[in-house]
Amino acid sequence: MGYKSFRIVVSPFGAVFCAGFGYFWRMKNAEFVDRLSLAEMGENRCGTVAQIEGDSRFISRIVSIGLTPGSAFTLLKNDGRSPVLVFCRDTVIAVNHKESSQIFVKVEL
């Protein structure tokens, strides 16, 4: 079993964060930081779409299926291999795992 690496990140405001296992958290009280990709989120977590990165075709397709910046969602399934299942606007949406890494979210605590 391999070990995962961690990074220590210091914000411009002096806050210290630890990054590893796909999550960022504050070193002092383990509070999650806002910006994660959809691919890094855990299952059964709620959040809000913050930003979508990619070419214009990808952004147009994601926005047309209902994942717009500011929309609230619940992540139903993310096992790292199959598509990520997202419940948003009374609809279950399947997003390719590679493409889900281009959708950044704010996670509710």
PDB file of N, CA and C in Angstrom:
ATOM      1  N   MET A   1       0.845  -1.158   0.000  1.00  0.00           N
ATOM      2  CA  MET A   1       0.000   0.000   0.000  1.00  0.00           C
ATOM      3  C   MET A   1       0.899   1.231   0.000  1.00  0.00           C
ATOM      4  N   GLY A   2       0.681   2.135  -0.949  1.00  0.00           N
ATOM      5  CA  GLY A   2       1.506   3.331  -1.053  1.00  0.00           C
ATOM      6  C   GLY A   2       1.027   4.442  -0.135  1.00  0.00           C
ATOM      7  N   TYR A   3       1.907   5.372   0.099  1.00  0.00           N
ATOM      8  CA  TYR A   3       1.574   6.532   0.918  1.00  0.00           C
ATOM      9  C   TYR A   3       1.244   7.699   0.017  1.00  0.00           C
ATOM     10  N   LYS A   4       0.292   8.503   0.435  1.00  0.00           N
ATOM     11  CA  LYS A   4      -0.056   9.700  -0.318  1.00  0.00           C
ATOM     12  C   LYS A   4       0.732  10.865   0.240  1.00  0.00           C
ATOM     13  N   SER A   5       1.055  11.802  -0.624  1.00  0.00           N
ATOM     14  CA  SER A   5       1.845  12.944  -0.180  1.00  0.00           C
ATOM     15  C   SER A   5       0.938  14.069   0.298  1.00  0.00           C
ATOM     16  N   PHE A   6       1.504  14.910   1.136  1.00  0.00           N
ATOM     17  CA  PHE A   6       0.807  16.075   1.649  1.00  0.00           C
ATOM     18  C   PHE A   6       1.587  17.317   1.266  1.00  0.00           C
ATOM     19  N   ARG A   7       0.890  18.420   1.102  1.00  0.00           N
ATOM     20  CA  ARG A   7       1.522  19.710   0.878  1.00  0.00           C
ATOM     21  C   ARG A   7       1.066  20.651   1.969  1.00  0.00           C
ATOM     22  N   ILE A   8       1.945  21.498   2.401  1.00  0.00           N
ATOM     23  CA  ILE A   8       1.577  22.552   3.338  1.00  0.00           C
ATOM     24  C   ILE A   8       1.463  23.835   2.521  1.00  0.00           C
ATOM     25  N   VAL A   9       0.329  24.501   2.634  1.00  0.00           N
ATOM     26  CA  VAL A   9       0.055  25.712   1.869  1.00  0.00           C
ATOM     27  C   VAL A   9      -0.182  26.847   2.852  1.00  0.00           C
ATOM     28  N   VAL A  10       0.508  27.971   2.626  1.00  0.00           N
ATOM     29  CA  VAL A  10       0.299  29.149   3.457  1.00  0.00           C
ATOM     30  C   VAL A  10      -0.360  30.209   2.586  1.00  0.00           C
ATOM     31  N   SER A  11      -1.545  30.682   3.014  1.00  0.00           N
ATOM     32  CA  SER A  11      -2.272  31.686   2.243  1.00  0.00           C
ATOM     33  C   SER A  11      -1.596  33.040   2.403  1.00  0.00           C
ATOM     34  N   PRO A  12      -1.908  33.999   1.524  1.00  0.00           N
ATOM     35  CA  PRO A  12      -1.346  35.346   1.663  1.00  0.00           C
ATOM     36  C   PRO A  12      -1.732  36.014   2.984  1.00  0.00           C
ATOM     37  N   PHE A  13      -2.777  35.512   3.634  1.00  0.00           N
ATOM     38  CA  PHE A  13      -3.233  36.103   4.883  1.00  0.00           C
ATOM     39  C   PHE A  13      -2.643  35.398   6.103  1.00  0.00           C
ATOM     40  N   GLY A  14      -1.762  34.421   5.882  1.00  0.00           N
ATOM     41  CA  GLY A  14      -1.079  33.760   6.979  1.00  0.00           C
ATOM     42  C   GLY A  14      -1.729  32.485   7.478  1.00  0.00           C
ATOM     43  N   ALA A  15      -2.861  32.068   6.895  1.00  0.00           N
ATOM     44  CA  ALA A  15      -3.504  30.825   7.323  1.00  0.00           C
ATOM     45  C   ALA A  15      -2.716  29.637   6.769  1.00  0.00           C
ATOM     46  N   VAL A  16      -2.563  28.600   7.555  1.00  0.00           N
ATOM     47  CA  VAL A  16      -1.801  27.425   7.147  1.00  0.00           C
ATOM     48  C   VAL A  16      -2.772  26.304   6.817  1.00  0.00           C
ATOM     49  N   PHE A  17      -2.600  25.700   5.644  1.00  0.00           N
ATOM     50  CA  PHE A  17      -3.461  24.616   5.197  1.00  0.00           C
ATOM     51  C   PHE A  17      -2.603  23.402   4.887  1.00  0.00           C
ATOM     52  N   CYS A  18      -3.206  22.240   5.004  1.00  0.00           N
ATOM     53  CA  CYS A  18      -2.560  20.988   4.628  1.00  0.00           C
ATOM     54  C   CYS A  18      -3.358  20.388   3.488  1.00  0.00           C
ATOM     55  N   ALA A  19      -2.684  19.962   2.432  1.00  0.00           N
ATOM     56  CA  ALA A  19      -3.364  19.393   1.274  1.00  0.00           C
ATOM     57  C   ALA A  19      -2.942  17.942   1.118  1.00  0.00           C
ATOM     58  N   GLY A  20      -3.913  17.061   1.003  1.00  0.00           N
ATOM     59  CA  GLY A  20      -3.609  15.656   0.795  1.00  0.00           C
ATOM     60  C   GLY A  20      -4.885  14.853   0.729  1.00  0.00           C
ATOM     61  N   PHE A  21      -4.837  13.689   0.107  1.00  0.00           N
ATOM     62  CA  PHE A  21      -6.001  12.818  -0.066  1.00  0.00           C
ATOM     63  C   PHE A  21      -7.126  13.528  -0.799  1.00  0.00           C
ATOM     64  N   GLY A  22      -6.811  14.527  -1.632  1.00  0.00           N
ATOM     65  CA  GLY A  22      -7.832  15.213  -2.410  1.00  0.00           C
ATOM     66  C   GLY A  22      -8.589  16.279  -1.654  1.00  0.00           C
ATOM     67  N   TYR A  23      -8.171  16.625  -0.450  1.00  0.00           N
ATOM     68  CA  TYR A  23      -8.874  17.638   0.323  1.00  0.00           C
ATOM     69  C   TYR A  23      -7.885  18.676   0.842  1.00  0.00           C
ATOM     70  N   PHE A  24      -8.393  19.871   1.082  1.00  0.00           N
ATOM     71  CA  PHE A  24      -7.629  20.898   1.770  1.00  0.00           C
ATOM     72  C   PHE A  24      -8.302  21.123   3.114  1.00  0.00           C
ATOM     73  N   TRP A  25      -7.535  21.244   4.161  1.00  0.00           N
ATOM     74  CA  TRP A  25      -8.138  21.588   5.436  1.00  0.00           C
ATOM     75  C   TRP A  25      -7.202  22.485   6.217  1.00  0.00           C
ATOM     76  N   ARG A  26      -7.792  23.263   7.096  1.00  0.00           N
ATOM     77  CA  ARG A  26      -6.993  24.140   7.934  1.00  0.00           C
ATOM     78  C   ARG A  26      -6.324  23.310   9.002  1.00  0.00           C
ATOM     79  N   MET A  27      -5.077  23.592   9.243  1.00  0.00           N
ATOM     80  CA  MET A  27      -4.312  22.794  10.195  1.00  0.00           C
ATOM     81  C   MET A  27      -4.865  22.925  11.611  1.00  0.00           C
ATOM     82  N   LYS A  28      -5.409  24.085  11.961  1.00  0.00           N
ATOM     83  CA  LYS A  28      -5.810  24.320  13.338  1.00  0.00           C
ATOM     84  C   LYS A  28      -7.065  23.537  13.723  1.00  0.00           C
ATOM     85  N   ASN A  29      -8.122  23.584  12.894  1.00  0.00           N
ATOM     86  CA  ASN A  29      -9.373  22.956  13.316  1.00  0.00           C
ATOM     87  C   ASN A  29     -10.010  22.074  12.247  1.00  0.00           C
ATOM     88  N   ALA A  30      -9.257  21.655  11.262  1.00  0.00           N
ATOM     89  CA  ALA A  30      -9.714  20.711  10.229  1.00  0.00           C
ATOM     90  C   ALA A  30     -10.970  21.173   9.518  1.00  0.00           C
ATOM     91  N   GLU A  31     -11.078  22.464   9.270  1.00  0.00           N
ATOM     92  CA  GLU A  31     -12.212  23.009   8.517  1.00  0.00           C
ATOM     93  C   GLU A  31     -11.843  22.998   7.038  1.00  0.00           C
ATOM     94  N   PHE A  32     -12.728  22.529   6.188  1.00  0.00           N
ATOM     95  CA  PHE A  32     -12.420  22.420   4.772  1.00  0.00           C
ATOM     96  C   PHE A  32     -12.382  23.791   4.105  1.00  0.00           C
ATOM     97  N   VAL A  33     -11.504  23.911   3.128  1.00  0.00           N
ATOM     98  CA  VAL A  33     -11.377  25.124   2.339  1.00  0.00           C
ATOM     99  C   VAL A  33     -12.367  25.040   1.186  1.00  0.00           C
ATOM    100  N   ASP A  34     -12.764  26.186   0.683  1.00  0.00           N
ATOM    101  CA  ASP A  34     -13.819  26.256  -0.313  1.00  0.00           C
ATOM    102  C   ASP A  34     -13.532  25.509  -1.611  1.00  0.00           C
ATOM    103  N   ARG A  35     -12.422  25.721  -2.258  1.00  0.00           N
ATOM    104  CA  ARG A  35     -12.255  25.299  -3.638  1.00  0.00           C
ATOM    105  C   ARG A  35     -11.739  23.867  -3.769  1.00  0.00           C
ATOM    106  N   LEU A  36     -12.616  22.989  -4.178  1.00  0.00           N
ATOM    107  CA  LEU A  36     -12.278  21.606  -4.524  1.00  0.00           C
ATOM    108  C   LEU A  36     -12.864  21.321  -5.890  1.00  0.00           C
ATOM    109  N   SER A  37     -12.283  20.366  -6.598  1.00  0.00           N
ATOM    110  CA  SER A  37     -12.926  19.946  -7.837  1.00  0.00           C
ATOM    111  C   SER A  37     -13.998  18.915  -7.494  1.00  0.00           C
ATOM    112  N   LEU A  38     -14.936  18.761  -8.384  1.00  0.00           N
ATOM    113  CA  LEU A  38     -16.013  17.793  -8.180  1.00  0.00           C
ATOM    114  C   LEU A  38     -15.444  16.381  -8.047  1.00  0.00           C
ATOM    115  N   ALA A  39     -14.345  16.094  -8.754  1.00  0.00           N
ATOM    116  CA  ALA A  39     -13.716  14.769  -8.700  1.00  0.00           C
ATOM    117  C   ALA A  39     -13.096  14.487  -7.335  1.00  0.00           C
ATOM    118  N   GLU A  40     -12.764  15.520  -6.570  1.00  0.00           N
ATOM    119  CA  GLU A  40     -12.115  15.347  -5.270  1.00  0.00           C
ATOM    120  C   GLU A  40     -13.101  15.254  -4.111  1.00  0.00           C
ATOM    121  N   MET A  41     -14.363  15.540  -4.355  1.00  0.00           N
ATOM    122  CA  MET A  41     -15.360  15.513  -3.283  1.00  0.00           C
ATOM    123  C   MET A  41     -15.714  14.096  -2.870  1.00  0.00           C
ATOM    124  N   GLY A  42     -16.129  13.962  -1.636  1.00  0.00           N
ATOM    125  CA  GLY A  42     -16.610  12.687  -1.136  1.00  0.00           C
ATOM    126  C   GLY A  42     -18.094  12.509  -1.416  1.00  0.00           C
ATOM    127  N   GLU A  43     -18.545  11.282  -1.369  1.00  0.00           N
ATOM    128  CA  GLU A  43     -19.952  10.984  -1.632  1.00  0.00           C
ATOM    129  C   GLU A  43     -20.852  11.554  -0.541  1.00  0.00           C
ATOM    130  N   ASN A  44     -22.094  11.813  -0.909  1.00  0.00           N
ATOM    131  CA  ASN A  44     -23.138  12.328  -0.015  1.00  0.00           C
ATOM    132  C   ASN A  44     -22.767  13.669   0.612  1.00  0.00           C
ATOM    133  N   ARG A  45     -22.020  14.481  -0.111  1.00  0.00           N
ATOM    134  CA  ARG A  45     -21.667  15.826   0.336  1.00  0.00           C
ATOM    135  C   ARG A  45     -22.455  16.830  -0.487  1.00  0.00           C
ATOM    136  N   CYS A  46     -22.782  17.951   0.115  1.00  0.00           N
ATOM    137  CA  CYS A  46     -23.504  19.022  -0.568  1.00  0.00           C
ATOM    138  C   CYS A  46     -22.552  20.161  -0.872  1.00  0.00           C
ATOM    139  N   GLY A  47     -22.853  20.898  -1.904  1.00  0.00           N
ATOM    140  CA  GLY A  47     -22.013  22.030  -2.263  1.00  0.00           C
ATOM    141  C   GLY A  47     -22.688  22.923  -3.280  1.00  0.00           C
ATOM    142  N   THR A  48     -21.919  23.896  -3.743  1.00  0.00           N
ATOM    143  CA  THR A  48     -22.373  24.848  -4.742  1.00  0.00           C
ATOM    144  C   THR A  48     -21.307  24.928  -5.824  1.00  0.00           C
ATOM    145  N   VAL A  49     -21.719  24.965  -7.086  1.00  0.00           N
ATOM    146  CA  VAL A  49     -20.762  25.096  -8.183  1.00  0.00           C
ATOM    147  C   VAL A  49     -20.151  26.495  -8.116  1.00  0.00           C
ATOM    148  N   ALA A  50     -18.820  26.564  -8.078  1.00  0.00           N
ATOM    149  CA  ALA A  50     -18.137  27.848  -7.975  1.00  0.00           C
ATOM    150  C   ALA A  50     -17.582  28.310  -9.318  1.00  0.00           C
ATOM    151  N   GLN A  51     -16.988  27.381 -10.065  1.00  0.00           N
ATOM    152  CA  GLN A  51     -16.328  27.757 -11.308  1.00  0.00           C
ATOM    153  C   GLN A  51     -16.234  26.551 -12.222  1.00  0.00           C
ATOM    154  N   ILE A  52     -16.318  26.790 -13.523  1.00  0.00           N
ATOM    155  CA  ILE A  52     -16.162  25.728 -14.515  1.00  0.00           C
ATOM    156  C   ILE A  52     -15.026  26.147 -15.438  1.00  0.00           C
ATOM    157  N   GLU A  53     -14.027  25.282 -15.575  1.00  0.00           N
ATOM    158  CA  GLU A  53     -12.884  25.572 -16.434  1.00  0.00           C
ATOM    159  C   GLU A  53     -12.889  24.615 -17.615  1.00  0.00           C
ATOM    160  N   GLY A  54     -12.371  25.067 -18.732  1.00  0.00           N
ATOM    161  CA  GLY A  54     -12.288  24.229 -19.920  1.00  0.00           C
ATOM    162  C   GLY A  54     -12.570  25.036 -21.162  1.00  0.00           C
ATOM    163  N   ASP A  55     -12.646  24.344 -22.296  1.00  0.00           N
ATOM    164  CA  ASP A  55     -12.928  25.054 -23.540  1.00  0.00           C
ATOM    165  C   ASP A  55     -14.409  25.433 -23.610  1.00  0.00           C
ATOM    166  N   SER A  56     -14.747  26.266 -24.568  1.00  0.00           N
ATOM    167  CA  SER A  56     -16.114  26.797 -24.659  1.00  0.00           C
ATOM    168  C   SER A  56     -17.141  25.695 -24.907  1.00  0.00           C
ATOM    169  N   ARG A  57     -16.773  24.654 -25.634  1.00  0.00           N
ATOM    170  CA  ARG A  57     -17.707  23.549 -25.896  1.00  0.00           C
ATOM    171  C   ARG A  57     -18.049  22.817 -24.597  1.00  0.00           C
ATOM    172  N   PHE A  58     -17.025  22.531 -23.780  1.00  0.00           N
ATOM    173  CA  PHE A  58     -17.242  21.840 -22.503  1.00  0.00           C
ATOM    174  C   PHE A  58     -18.098  22.692 -21.569  1.00  0.00           C
ATOM    175  N   ILE A  59     -17.762  23.959 -21.436  1.00  0.00           N
ATOM    176  CA  ILE A  59     -18.520  24.845 -20.545  1.00  0.00           C
ATOM    177  C   ILE A  59     -19.964  24.959 -21.008  1.00  0.00           C
ATOM    178  N   SER A  60     -20.181  25.095 -22.303  1.00  0.00           N
ATOM    179  CA  SER A  60     -21.535  25.187 -22.846  1.00  0.00           C
ATOM    180  C   SER A  60     -22.346  23.927 -22.543  1.00  0.00           C
ATOM    181  N   ARG A  61     -21.716  22.767 -22.678  1.00  0.00           N
ATOM    182  CA  ARG A  61     -22.414  21.499 -22.427  1.00  0.00           C
ATOM    183  C   ARG A  61     -22.768  21.340 -20.951  1.00  0.00           C
ATOM    184  N   ILE A  62     -21.830  21.661 -20.062  1.00  0.00           N
ATOM    185  CA  ILE A  62     -22.075  21.522 -18.628  1.00  0.00           C
ATOM    186  C   ILE A  62     -23.156  22.498 -18.164  1.00  0.00           C
ATOM    187  N   VAL A  63     -23.105  23.732 -18.654  1.00  0.00           N
ATOM    188  CA  VAL A  63     -24.113  24.724 -18.272  1.00  0.00           C
ATOM    189  C   VAL A  63     -25.480  24.323 -18.813  1.00  0.00           C
ATOM    190  N   SER A  64     -25.533  23.744 -20.015  1.00  0.00           N
ATOM    191  CA  SER A  64     -26.821  23.374 -20.606  1.00  0.00           C
ATOM    192  C   SER A  64     -27.504  22.218 -19.869  1.00  0.00           C
ATOM    193  N   ILE A  65     -26.735  21.366 -19.168  1.00  0.00           N
ATOM    194  CA  ILE A  65     -27.364  20.283 -18.407  1.00  0.00           C
ATOM    195  C   ILE A  65     -27.735  20.708 -16.997  1.00  0.00           C
ATOM    196  N   GLY A  66     -27.431  21.958 -16.639  1.00  0.00           N
ATOM    197  CA  GLY A  66     -27.911  22.482 -15.364  1.00  0.00           C
ATOM    198  C   GLY A  66     -26.868  22.752 -14.303  1.00  0.00           C
ATOM    199  N   LEU A  67     -25.616  22.424 -14.547  1.00  0.00           N
ATOM    200  CA  LEU A  67     -24.566  22.717 -13.565  1.00  0.00           C
ATOM    201  C   LEU A  67     -23.986  24.103 -13.854  1.00  0.00           C
ATOM    202  N   THR A  68     -24.650  25.121 -13.352  1.00  0.00           N
ATOM    203  CA  THR A  68     -24.212  26.493 -13.557  1.00  0.00           C
ATOM    204  C   THR A  68     -23.560  27.021 -12.282  1.00  0.00           C
ATOM    205  N   PRO A  69     -22.651  27.966 -12.396  1.00  0.00           N
ATOM    206  CA  PRO A  69     -22.074  28.557 -11.184  1.00  0.00           C
ATOM    207  C   PRO A  69     -23.176  29.117 -10.277  1.00  0.00           C
ATOM    208  N   GLY A  70     -23.110  28.729  -9.016  1.00  0.00           N
ATOM    209  CA  GLY A  70     -24.111  29.150  -8.044  1.00  0.00           C
ATOM    210  C   GLY A  70     -25.190  28.125  -7.777  1.00  0.00           C
ATOM    211  N   SER A  71     -25.268  27.075  -8.591  1.00  0.00           N
ATOM    212  CA  SER A  71     -26.309  26.069  -8.373  1.00  0.00           C
ATOM    213  C   SER A  71     -25.890  25.088  -7.276  1.00  0.00           C
ATOM    214  N   ALA A  72     -26.829  24.776  -6.393  1.00  0.00           N
ATOM    215  CA  ALA A  72     -26.585  23.844  -5.295  1.00  0.00           C
ATOM    216  C   ALA A  72     -26.758  22.408  -5.794  1.00  0.00           C
ATOM    217  N   PHE A  73     -25.993  21.485  -5.219  1.00  0.00           N
ATOM    218  CA  PHE A  73     -26.060  20.090  -5.644  1.00  0.00           C
ATOM    219  C   PHE A  73     -25.689  19.178  -4.482  1.00  0.00           C
ATOM    220  N   THR A  74     -25.968  17.881  -4.666  1.00  0.00           N
ATOM    221  CA  THR A  74     -25.512  16.832  -3.759  1.00  0.00           C
ATOM    222  C   THR A  74     -24.762  15.808  -4.592  1.00  0.00           C
ATOM    223  N   LEU A  75     -23.563  15.437  -4.164  1.00  0.00           N
ATOM    224  CA  LEU A  75     -22.781  14.429  -4.865  1.00  0.00           C
ATOM    225  C   LEU A  75     -23.246  13.055  -4.399  1.00  0.00           C
ATOM    226  N   LEU A  76     -23.811  12.263  -5.296  1.00  0.00           N
ATOM    227  CA  LEU A  76     -24.364  10.964  -4.944  1.00  0.00           C
ATOM    228  C   LEU A  76     -23.332   9.844  -5.010  1.00  0.00           C
ATOM    229  N   LYS A  77     -22.498   9.860  -6.061  1.00  0.00           N
ATOM    230  CA  LYS A  77     -21.543   8.765  -6.241  1.00  0.00           C
ATOM    231  C   LYS A  77     -20.245   9.293  -6.825  1.00  0.00           C
ATOM    232  N   ASN A  78     -19.139   8.888  -6.216  1.00  0.00           N
ATOM    233  CA  ASN A  78     -17.817   9.226  -6.720  1.00  0.00           C
ATOM    234  C   ASN A  78     -16.850   8.146  -6.249  1.00  0.00           C
ATOM    235  N   ASP A  79     -16.695   7.113  -7.055  1.00  0.00           N
ATOM    236  CA  ASP A  79     -15.803   6.020  -6.655  1.00  0.00           C
ATOM    237  C   ASP A  79     -14.438   6.095  -7.326  1.00  0.00           C
ATOM    238  N   GLY A  80     -14.198   7.128  -8.121  1.00  0.00           N
ATOM    239  CA  GLY A  80     -12.893   7.315  -8.744  1.00  0.00           C
ATOM    240  C   GLY A  80     -12.724   6.665 -10.103  1.00  0.00           C
ATOM    241  N   ARG A  81     -13.657   5.814 -10.502  1.00  0.00           N
ATOM    242  CA  ARG A  81     -13.544   5.135 -11.789  1.00  0.00           C
ATOM    243  C   ARG A  81     -14.703   5.486 -12.709  1.00  0.00           C
ATOM    244  N   SER A  82     -15.908   5.246 -12.253  1.00  0.00           N
ATOM    245  CA  SER A  82     -17.084   5.476 -13.081  1.00  0.00           C
ATOM    246  C   SER A  82     -17.482   6.949 -13.040  1.00  0.00           C
ATOM    247  N   PRO A  83     -18.431   7.359 -13.870  1.00  0.00           N
ATOM    248  CA  PRO A  83     -18.859   8.759 -13.860  1.00  0.00           C
ATOM    249  C   PRO A  83     -19.350   9.211 -12.484  1.00  0.00           C
ATOM    250  N   VAL A  84     -19.165  10.481 -12.214  1.00  0.00           N
ATOM    251  CA  VAL A  84     -19.609  11.097 -10.968  1.00  0.00           C
ATOM    252  C   VAL A  84     -21.095  11.395 -11.112  1.00  0.00           C
ATOM    253  N   LEU A  85     -21.906  10.978 -10.123  1.00  0.00           N
ATOM    254  CA  LEU A  85     -23.339  11.233 -10.155  1.00  0.00           C
ATOM    255  C   LEU A  85     -23.670  12.400  -9.237  1.00  0.00           C
ATOM    256  N   VAL A  86     -24.341  13.412  -9.797  1.00  0.00           N
ATOM    257  CA  VAL A  86     -24.664  14.645  -9.087  1.00  0.00           C
ATOM    258  C   VAL A  86     -26.170  14.853  -9.136  1.00  0.00           C
ATOM    259  N   PHE A  87     -26.761  15.179  -7.986  1.00  0.00           N
ATOM    260  CA  PHE A  87     -28.187  15.521  -7.939  1.00  0.00           C
ATOM    261  C   PHE A  87     -28.285  17.041  -7.878  1.00  0.00           C
ATOM    262  N   CYS A  88     -28.829  17.637  -8.944  1.00  0.00           N
ATOM    263  CA  CYS A  88     -28.907  19.096  -9.045  1.00  0.00           C
ATOM    264  C   CYS A  88     -30.199  19.473  -9.757  1.00  0.00           C
ATOM    265  N   ARG A  89     -30.937  20.405  -9.198  1.00  0.00           N
ATOM    266  CA  ARG A  89     -32.191  20.901  -9.801  1.00  0.00           C
ATOM    267  C   ARG A  89     -33.168  19.759 -10.099  1.00  0.00           C
ATOM    268  N   ASP A  90     -33.366  18.884  -9.123  1.00  0.00           N
ATOM    269  CA  ASP A  90     -34.292  17.754  -9.220  1.00  0.00           C
ATOM    270  C   ASP A  90     -33.947  16.780 -10.336  1.00  0.00           C
ATOM    271  N   THR A  91     -32.668  16.690 -10.691  1.00  0.00           N
ATOM    272  CA  THR A  91     -32.217  15.796 -11.750  1.00  0.00           C
ATOM    273  C   THR A  91     -30.909  15.136 -11.335  1.00  0.00           C
ATOM    274  N   VAL A  92     -30.739  13.857 -11.678  1.00  0.00           N
ATOM    275  CA  VAL A  92     -29.462  13.181 -11.461  1.00  0.00           C
ATOM    276  C   VAL A  92     -28.656  13.315 -12.749  1.00  0.00           C
ATOM    277  N   ILE A  93     -27.441  13.863 -12.615  1.00  0.00           N
ATOM    278  CA  ILE A  93     -26.576  14.140 -13.757  1.00  0.00           C
ATOM    279  C   ILE A  93     -25.310  13.300 -13.623  1.00  0.00           C
ATOM    280  N   ALA A  94     -24.916  12.628 -14.705  1.00  0.00           N
ATOM    281  CA  ALA A  94     -23.671  11.857 -14.729  1.00  0.00           C
ATOM    282  C   ALA A  94     -22.625  12.670 -15.476  1.00  0.00           C
ATOM    283  N   VAL A  95     -21.479  12.894 -14.820  1.00  0.00           N
ATOM    284  CA  VAL A  95     -20.382  13.647 -15.420  1.00  0.00           C
ATOM    285  C   VAL A  95     -19.161  12.741 -15.466  1.00  0.00           C
ATOM    286  N   ASN A  96     -18.508  12.691 -16.619  1.00  0.00           N
ATOM    287  CA  ASN A  96     -17.291  11.914 -16.800  1.00  0.00           C
ATOM    288  C   ASN A  96     -16.295  12.283 -15.701  1.00  0.00           C
ATOM    289  N   HIS A  97     -15.590  11.297 -15.151  1.00  0.00           N
ATOM    290  CA  HIS A  97     -14.678  11.560 -14.026  1.00  0.00           C
ATOM    291  C   HIS A  97     -13.575  12.537 -14.411  1.00  0.00           C
ATOM    292  N   LYS A  98     -13.026  12.415 -15.614  1.00  0.00           N
ATOM    293  CA  LYS A  98     -11.978  13.338 -16.061  1.00  0.00           C
ATOM    294  C   LYS A  98     -12.523  14.764 -16.169  1.00  0.00           C
ATOM    295  N   GLU A  99     -13.720  14.902 -16.707  1.00  0.00           N
ATOM    296  CA  GLU A  99     -14.319  16.226 -16.860  1.00  0.00           C
ATOM    297  C   GLU A  99     -14.741  16.825 -15.524  1.00  0.00           C
ATOM    298  N   SER A 100     -15.056  15.978 -14.554  1.00  0.00           N
ATOM    299  CA  SER A 100     -15.475  16.494 -13.252  1.00  0.00           C
ATOM    300  C   SER A 100     -14.329  17.188 -12.519  1.00  0.00           C
ATOM    301  N   SER A 101     -13.094  16.943 -12.951  1.00  0.00           N
ATOM    302  CA  SER A 101     -11.962  17.632 -12.337  1.00  0.00           C
ATOM    303  C   SER A 101     -11.851  19.077 -12.814  1.00  0.00           C
ATOM    304  N   GLN A 102     -12.655  19.463 -13.812  1.00  0.00           N
ATOM    305  CA  GLN A 102     -12.655  20.838 -14.307  1.00  0.00           C
ATOM    306  C   GLN A 102     -13.795  21.662 -13.724  1.00  0.00           C
ATOM    307  N   ILE A 103     -14.593  21.056 -12.867  1.00  0.00           N
ATOM    308  CA  ILE A 103     -15.710  21.748 -12.217  1.00  0.00           C
ATOM    309  C   ILE A 103     -15.322  21.958 -10.760  1.00  0.00           C
ATOM    310  N   PHE A 104     -15.193  23.217 -10.358  1.00  0.00           N
ATOM    311  CA  PHE A 104     -14.770  23.537  -8.993  1.00  0.00           C
ATOM    312  C   PHE A 104     -15.980  23.949  -8.158  1.00  0.00           C
ATOM    313  N   VAL A 105     -15.972  23.522  -6.911  1.00  0.00           N
ATOM    314  CA  VAL A 105     -17.142  23.677  -6.062  1.00  0.00           C
ATOM    315  C   VAL A 105     -16.766  24.256  -4.699  1.00  0.00           C
ATOM    316  N   LYS A 106     -17.767  24.786  -4.028  1.00  0.00           N
ATOM    317  CA  LYS A 106     -17.647  25.184  -2.623  1.00  0.00           C
ATOM    318  C   LYS A 106     -18.405  24.150  -1.823  1.00  0.00           C
ATOM    319  N   VAL A 107     -17.726  23.499  -0.894  1.00  0.00           N
ATOM    320  CA  VAL A 107     -18.320  22.427  -0.108  1.00  0.00           C
ATOM    321  C   VAL A 107     -18.962  23.001   1.135  1.00  0.00           C
ATOM    322  N   GLU A 108     -20.194  22.566   1.438  1.00  0.00           N
ATOM    323  CA  GLU A 108     -20.862  22.988   2.663  1.00  0.00           C
ATOM    324  C   GLU A 108     -20.297  22.191   3.821  1.00  0.00           C
ATOM    325  N   LEU A 109     -20.093  22.863   4.924  1.00  0.00           N
ATOM    326  CA  LEU A 109     -19.539  22.193   6.108  1.00  0.00           C
ATOM    327  C   LEU A 109     -20.624  21.667   6.997  1.00  0.00           C
TER     328      LEU A 109
END
